[in-house]
Amino acid sequence: MNLYNSINCRVVDDEEKNVFKTLFNNSLFWVILLGELFLQDYMITLGESVIGSAIVGTAALTFNQKLTCHILGALTLAIYPASKMIPL
């Protein structure tokens, strides 16, 4: 969810509802986002072995579990703009 939330955090204007508006303006953002995605996936993959699990403290995930994580994370892309539409 943190990876998807980093996309939401790029828009700090309270009036702006489109989180994708300036998404491609900063190439460094994409380098960091993809690097984070790779490292997180690598740490989960390390969790498949006993030694890797002891080092990074993770457990292996099945494909369905990984898919569920990405779906729940992607839901933040819809929930955040919708929450901005609720009047205070």
N, C-alpha and C. Protein backbone atom coordinates (compact mmCIF):
# COMPACT_ATOMS: atom_id res chain seq x y z
N MET A 1 0.82 -1.19 0.00
CA MET A 1 0.00 0.00 0.00
C MET A 1 0.87 1.25 0.00
N ASN A 2 2.03 1.18 0.58
CA ASN A 2 2.92 2.34 0.63
C ASN A 2 3.34 2.77 -0.76
N LEU A 3 3.59 1.83 -1.65
CA LEU A 3 3.98 2.19 -3.02
C LEU A 3 2.87 2.96 -3.73
N TYR A 4 1.65 2.51 -3.57
CA TYR A 4 0.53 3.19 -4.21
C TYR A 4 0.24 4.51 -3.53
N ASN A 5 0.43 4.57 -2.22
CA ASN A 5 0.20 5.81 -1.50
C ASN A 5 1.22 6.88 -1.88
N SER A 6 2.41 6.47 -2.28
CA SER A 6 3.40 7.46 -2.71
C SER A 6 2.92 8.20 -3.97
N ILE A 7 2.10 7.57 -4.77
CA ILE A 7 1.50 8.26 -5.94
C ILE A 7 0.50 9.29 -5.45
N ASN A 8 -0.31 8.92 -4.45
CA ASN A 8 -1.28 9.87 -3.89
C ASN A 8 -0.59 11.06 -3.23
N CYS A 9 0.53 10.83 -2.61
CA CYS A 9 1.22 11.90 -1.87
C CYS A 9 1.85 12.94 -2.79
N ARG A 10 1.92 12.67 -4.06
CA ARG A 10 2.51 13.65 -4.98
C ARG A 10 1.62 14.87 -5.14
N VAL A 11 0.34 14.74 -4.88
CA VAL A 11 -0.59 15.86 -5.02
C VAL A 11 -0.92 16.38 -3.62
N VAL A 12 -0.45 17.59 -3.32
CA VAL A 12 -0.67 18.15 -1.99
C VAL A 12 -1.74 19.25 -1.98
N ASP A 13 -2.19 19.65 -3.15
CA ASP A 13 -3.22 20.68 -3.24
C ASP A 13 -4.57 20.08 -2.85
N ASP A 14 -5.27 20.72 -1.92
CA ASP A 14 -6.55 20.20 -1.45
C ASP A 14 -7.62 20.21 -2.54
N GLU A 15 -7.50 21.13 -3.48
CA GLU A 15 -8.51 21.26 -4.53
C GLU A 15 -8.29 20.26 -5.67
N GLU A 16 -7.07 19.80 -5.86
CA GLU A 16 -6.75 18.90 -6.98
C GLU A 16 -7.19 17.48 -6.64
N LYS A 17 -7.99 16.89 -7.49
CA LYS A 17 -8.49 15.53 -7.26
C LYS A 17 -7.80 14.49 -8.13
N ASN A 18 -7.12 14.93 -9.18
CA ASN A 18 -6.47 14.02 -10.11
C ASN A 18 -5.04 13.74 -9.65
N VAL A 19 -4.81 12.54 -9.09
CA VAL A 19 -3.48 12.20 -8.58
C VAL A 19 -2.51 11.85 -9.71
N PHE A 20 -3.01 11.66 -10.91
CA PHE A 20 -2.16 11.28 -12.05
C PHE A 20 -1.71 12.49 -12.87
N LYS A 21 -2.11 13.70 -12.48
CA LYS A 21 -1.87 14.90 -13.28
C LYS A 21 -0.38 15.14 -13.54
N THR A 22 0.44 15.08 -12.53
CA THR A 22 1.87 15.36 -12.67
C THR A 22 2.73 14.12 -12.47
N LEU A 23 2.17 12.97 -12.74
CA LEU A 23 2.84 11.70 -12.45
C LEU A 23 4.11 11.50 -13.26
N PHE A 24 4.16 11.99 -14.48
CA PHE A 24 5.31 11.75 -15.35
C PHE A 24 6.26 12.94 -15.45
N ASN A 25 6.13 13.90 -14.54
CA ASN A 25 7.00 15.08 -14.57
C ASN A 25 8.35 14.85 -13.92
N ASN A 26 8.48 13.83 -13.10
CA ASN A 26 9.71 13.62 -12.35
C ASN A 26 10.20 12.19 -12.56
N SER A 27 11.29 12.04 -13.30
CA SER A 27 11.81 10.70 -13.58
C SER A 27 12.47 10.07 -12.35
N LEU A 28 12.99 10.88 -11.45
CA LEU A 28 13.58 10.35 -10.23
C LEU A 28 12.54 9.63 -9.37
N PHE A 29 11.31 10.15 -9.37
CA PHE A 29 10.22 9.48 -8.65
C PHE A 29 10.04 8.05 -9.15
N TRP A 30 10.08 7.86 -10.47
CA TRP A 30 9.90 6.53 -11.04
C TRP A 30 11.06 5.61 -10.71
N VAL A 31 12.27 6.15 -10.69
CA VAL A 31 13.44 5.34 -10.33
C VAL A 31 13.29 4.84 -8.89
N ILE A 32 12.91 5.74 -8.00
CA ILE A 32 12.74 5.36 -6.59
C ILE A 32 11.58 4.40 -6.42
N LEU A 33 10.46 4.66 -7.08
CA LEU A 33 9.28 3.79 -6.96
C LEU A 33 9.58 2.38 -7.46
N LEU A 34 10.21 2.27 -8.62
CA LEU A 34 10.53 0.95 -9.17
C LEU A 34 11.61 0.25 -8.34
N GLY A 35 12.57 1.02 -7.81
CA GLY A 35 13.58 0.44 -6.94
C GLY A 35 12.97 -0.11 -5.67
N GLU A 36 12.02 0.64 -5.09
CA GLU A 36 11.32 0.17 -3.89
C GLU A 36 10.51 -1.09 -4.18
N LEU A 37 9.83 -1.10 -5.33
CA LEU A 37 9.05 -2.27 -5.72
C LEU A 37 9.95 -3.49 -5.87
N PHE A 38 11.09 -3.31 -6.52
CA PHE A 38 12.03 -4.41 -6.71
C PHE A 38 12.55 -4.92 -5.37
N LEU A 39 12.97 -4.01 -4.48
CA LEU A 39 13.52 -4.43 -3.19
C LEU A 39 12.48 -5.13 -2.32
N GLN A 40 11.25 -4.64 -2.33
CA GLN A 40 10.21 -5.30 -1.54
C GLN A 40 9.92 -6.70 -2.08
N ASP A 41 9.86 -6.83 -3.39
CA ASP A 41 9.62 -8.13 -3.98
C ASP A 41 10.79 -9.08 -3.71
N TYR A 42 12.00 -8.54 -3.75
CA TYR A 42 13.18 -9.36 -3.48
C TYR A 42 13.19 -9.85 -2.03
N MET A 43 12.80 -8.99 -1.10
CA MET A 43 12.76 -9.39 0.30
C MET A 43 11.71 -10.47 0.54
N ILE A 44 10.59 -10.39 -0.16
CA ILE A 44 9.57 -11.43 -0.04
C ILE A 44 10.08 -12.73 -0.65
N THR A 45 10.80 -12.63 -1.76
CA THR A 45 11.37 -13.82 -2.39
C THR A 45 12.42 -14.46 -1.49
N LEU A 46 13.21 -13.64 -0.79
CA LEU A 46 14.18 -14.17 0.16
C LEU A 46 13.51 -14.96 1.28
N GLY A 47 12.28 -14.60 1.60
CA GLY A 47 11.54 -15.28 2.66
C GLY A 47 11.19 -16.72 2.34
N GLU A 48 11.40 -17.13 1.08
CA GLU A 48 11.12 -18.52 0.71
C GLU A 48 12.14 -19.48 1.29
N SER A 49 13.35 -19.00 1.57
CA SER A 49 14.37 -19.87 2.16
C SER A 49 14.45 -19.63 3.67
N VAL A 50 14.94 -20.60 4.39
CA VAL A 50 15.04 -20.49 5.84
C VAL A 50 16.03 -19.39 6.23
N ILE A 51 17.16 -19.35 5.56
CA ILE A 51 18.19 -18.35 5.87
C ILE A 51 17.70 -16.95 5.51
N GLY A 52 17.11 -16.81 4.32
CA GLY A 52 16.60 -15.51 3.89
C GLY A 52 15.49 -15.01 4.80
N SER A 53 14.64 -15.91 5.24
CA SER A 53 13.56 -15.54 6.14
C SER A 53 14.11 -15.06 7.48
N ALA A 54 15.17 -15.70 7.95
CA ALA A 54 15.79 -15.28 9.21
C ALA A 54 16.48 -13.93 9.07
N ILE A 55 17.04 -13.66 7.92
CA ILE A 55 17.77 -12.39 7.72
C ILE A 55 16.82 -11.21 7.59
N VAL A 56 15.82 -11.31 6.72
CA VAL A 56 14.93 -10.17 6.47
C VAL A 56 13.62 -10.26 7.25
N GLY A 57 13.32 -11.39 7.86
CA GLY A 57 12.12 -11.52 8.67
C GLY A 57 10.83 -11.55 7.88
N THR A 58 10.87 -12.12 6.68
CA THR A 58 9.66 -12.21 5.87
C THR A 58 9.31 -13.67 5.61
N ALA A 59 8.11 -13.89 5.11
CA ALA A 59 7.67 -15.22 4.72
C ALA A 59 7.27 -15.17 3.25
N ALA A 60 7.30 -16.30 2.62
CA ALA A 60 6.94 -16.37 1.20
C ALA A 60 5.44 -16.10 1.02
N LEU A 61 5.10 -15.46 -0.09
CA LEU A 61 3.71 -15.22 -0.44
C LEU A 61 3.37 -15.97 -1.72
N THR A 62 2.15 -16.46 -1.80
CA THR A 62 1.69 -17.10 -3.03
C THR A 62 1.33 -16.00 -4.04
N PHE A 63 1.09 -16.41 -5.26
CA PHE A 63 0.71 -15.44 -6.30
C PHE A 63 -0.59 -14.74 -5.92
N ASN A 64 -1.56 -15.49 -5.40
CA ASN A 64 -2.85 -14.89 -5.01
C ASN A 64 -2.68 -13.88 -3.88
N GLN A 65 -1.78 -14.15 -2.95
CA GLN A 65 -1.52 -13.21 -1.86
C GLN A 65 -0.87 -11.93 -2.39
N LYS A 66 0.07 -12.08 -3.31
CA LYS A 66 0.70 -10.90 -3.91
C LYS A 66 -0.33 -10.08 -4.71
N LEU A 67 -1.18 -10.77 -5.44
CA LEU A 67 -2.22 -10.10 -6.22
C LEU A 67 -3.17 -9.35 -5.30
N THR A 68 -3.56 -9.97 -4.19
CA THR A 68 -4.44 -9.31 -3.23
C THR A 68 -3.78 -8.05 -2.67
N CYS A 69 -2.50 -8.13 -2.37
CA CYS A 69 -1.77 -6.95 -1.86
C CYS A 69 -1.80 -5.82 -2.87
N HIS A 70 -1.58 -6.13 -4.14
CA HIS A 70 -1.57 -5.08 -5.17
C HIS A 70 -2.97 -4.51 -5.40
N ILE A 71 -3.98 -5.35 -5.34
CA ILE A 71 -5.36 -4.85 -5.52
C ILE A 71 -5.74 -3.92 -4.37
N LEU A 72 -5.44 -4.34 -3.14
CA LEU A 72 -5.75 -3.49 -1.98
C LEU A 72 -4.96 -2.18 -2.04
N GLY A 73 -3.72 -2.26 -2.46
CA GLY A 73 -2.92 -1.05 -2.59
C GLY A 73 -3.46 -0.12 -3.66
N ALA A 74 -3.87 -0.68 -4.78
CA ALA A 74 -4.40 0.13 -5.88
C ALA A 74 -5.73 0.79 -5.50
N LEU A 75 -6.44 0.21 -4.56
CA LEU A 75 -7.69 0.82 -4.11
C LEU A 75 -7.46 2.19 -3.49
N THR A 76 -6.27 2.42 -2.94
CA THR A 76 -5.98 3.73 -2.36
C THR A 76 -5.99 4.81 -3.43
N LEU A 77 -5.73 4.44 -4.68
CA LEU A 77 -5.75 5.42 -5.77
C LEU A 77 -7.17 5.93 -6.03
N ALA A 78 -8.17 5.14 -5.66
CA ALA A 78 -9.56 5.58 -5.81
C ALA A 78 -10.10 6.18 -4.52
N ILE A 79 -9.67 5.64 -3.39
CA ILE A 79 -10.22 6.09 -2.11
C ILE A 79 -9.73 7.50 -1.76
N TYR A 80 -8.48 7.79 -2.01
CA TYR A 80 -7.92 9.10 -1.65
C TYR A 80 -8.64 10.25 -2.37
N PRO A 81 -8.79 10.22 -3.71
CA PRO A 81 -9.52 11.31 -4.37
C PRO A 81 -10.99 11.36 -3.93
N ALA A 82 -11.58 10.20 -3.67
CA ALA A 82 -12.98 10.20 -3.22
C ALA A 82 -13.11 10.83 -1.84
N SER A 83 -12.11 10.63 -0.99
CA SER A 83 -12.17 11.22 0.35
C SER A 83 -12.03 12.75 0.29
N LYS A 84 -11.39 13.26 -0.74
CA LYS A 84 -11.27 14.71 -0.90
C LYS A 84 -12.61 15.35 -1.26
N MET A 85 -13.53 14.57 -1.78
CA MET A 85 -14.84 15.10 -2.18
C MET A 85 -15.80 15.21 -1.01
N ILE A 86 -15.48 14.61 0.12
CA ILE A 86 -16.34 14.67 1.29
C ILE A 86 -16.12 16.03 1.97
N PRO A 87 -17.18 16.82 2.11
CA PRO A 87 -16.98 18.13 2.75
C PRO A 87 -16.68 17.98 4.24
N LEU A 88 -15.85 18.89 4.73
CA LEU A 88 -15.50 18.84 6.15
C LEU A 88 -16.63 19.33 6.96
